[in-house]
């Protein structure tokens, strides 16, 4: 527990810019990060996401068959 407290003290001693810089990380999301795309309507985007993105990314439309 003392190690954890010391780590917290070190982190709080960092500048705000450093805390922001090191506090986030980029996580690759398959298909979403592969290419840029745009849609004319939100309905077009939702249809594309429902058909193309893996369920674990949370972009599936709520329907009885995938509401498990």
Protein backbone atom coordinates (compact mmCIF):
# COMPACT_ATOMS: atom_id res chain seq x y z
CA UNK A 1 0.00 0.00 0.00
CA UNK A 2 2.91 2.34 0.66
CA UNK A 3 4.13 1.84 -2.91
CA UNK A 4 0.70 2.79 -4.22
CA UNK A 5 0.59 5.96 -2.09
CA UNK A 6 4.05 6.95 -3.29
CA UNK A 7 3.03 6.39 -6.89
CA UNK A 8 -0.02 8.63 -6.34
CA UNK A 9 2.18 11.36 -4.83
CA UNK A 10 4.52 11.20 -7.85
CA UNK A 11 1.61 11.42 -10.26
CA UNK A 12 0.12 14.40 -8.47
CA UNK A 13 3.49 16.15 -8.60
CA UNK A 14 3.37 16.08 -12.41
CA UNK A 15 2.11 19.12 -14.29
CA UNK A 16 -1.44 19.07 -15.59
CA UNK A 17 -0.16 18.76 -19.18
CA UNK A 18 1.92 15.71 -18.26
CA UNK A 19 -1.01 14.08 -16.45
CA UNK A 20 -3.20 14.59 -19.51
CA UNK A 21 -0.44 13.41 -21.87
CA UNK A 22 0.21 10.18 -19.95
CA UNK A 23 -3.35 9.62 -18.70
CA UNK A 24 -4.79 8.53 -22.06
CA UNK A 25 -3.79 5.96 -24.59
CA UNK A 26 -4.86 5.17 -28.13
CA UNK A 27 -6.61 1.86 -28.46
CA UNK A 28 -6.99 0.36 -31.93
CA UNK A 29 -10.59 -0.29 -32.86
CA UNK A 30 -10.90 -2.65 -35.84
CA UNK A 31 -12.75 -1.27 -38.85
CA UNK A 32 -13.33 2.13 -37.20
CA UNK A 33 -9.64 3.04 -37.29
CA UNK A 34 -8.87 1.45 -40.66
CA UNK A 35 -10.11 4.32 -42.86
CA UNK A 36 -11.99 7.57 -42.53
CA UNK A 37 -15.53 7.70 -43.80
CA UNK A 38 -18.51 10.01 -43.63
CA UNK A 39 -22.24 9.49 -43.81
CA UNK A 40 -25.05 11.70 -45.03
CA UNK A 41 -27.34 10.84 -42.16
CA UNK A 42 -27.12 9.30 -38.72
CA UNK A 43 -29.42 6.54 -39.98
CA UNK A 44 -26.84 5.68 -42.66
CA UNK A 45 -24.11 5.54 -40.02
CA UNK A 46 -26.19 3.35 -37.69
CA UNK A 47 -27.02 0.94 -40.52
CA UNK A 48 -23.35 0.73 -41.54
CA UNK A 49 -22.22 0.23 -37.93
CA UNK A 50 -24.83 -2.46 -37.32
CA UNK A 51 -23.74 -4.38 -40.41
CA UNK A 52 -19.95 -3.94 -40.13
CA UNK A 53 -18.76 -3.48 -36.55
CA UNK A 54 -18.15 -6.27 -34.04
CA UNK A 55 -20.76 -6.47 -31.30
CA UNK A 56 -18.18 -5.97 -28.52
CA UNK A 57 -17.64 -2.36 -29.66
CA UNK A 58 -21.23 -1.63 -28.67
CA UNK A 59 -22.56 -0.37 -31.99
CA UNK A 60 -25.31 -2.90 -32.67
CA UNK A 61 -28.92 -1.81 -33.01
CA UNK A 62 -31.21 -3.13 -30.29
CA UNK A 63 -33.36 -5.89 -31.73
CA UNK A 64 -34.89 -8.94 -30.05
CA UNK A 65 -32.35 -11.26 -31.70
CA UNK A 66 -29.27 -9.34 -30.41
CA UNK A 67 -30.62 -8.03 -27.10
CA UNK A 68 -29.01 -10.86 -25.14
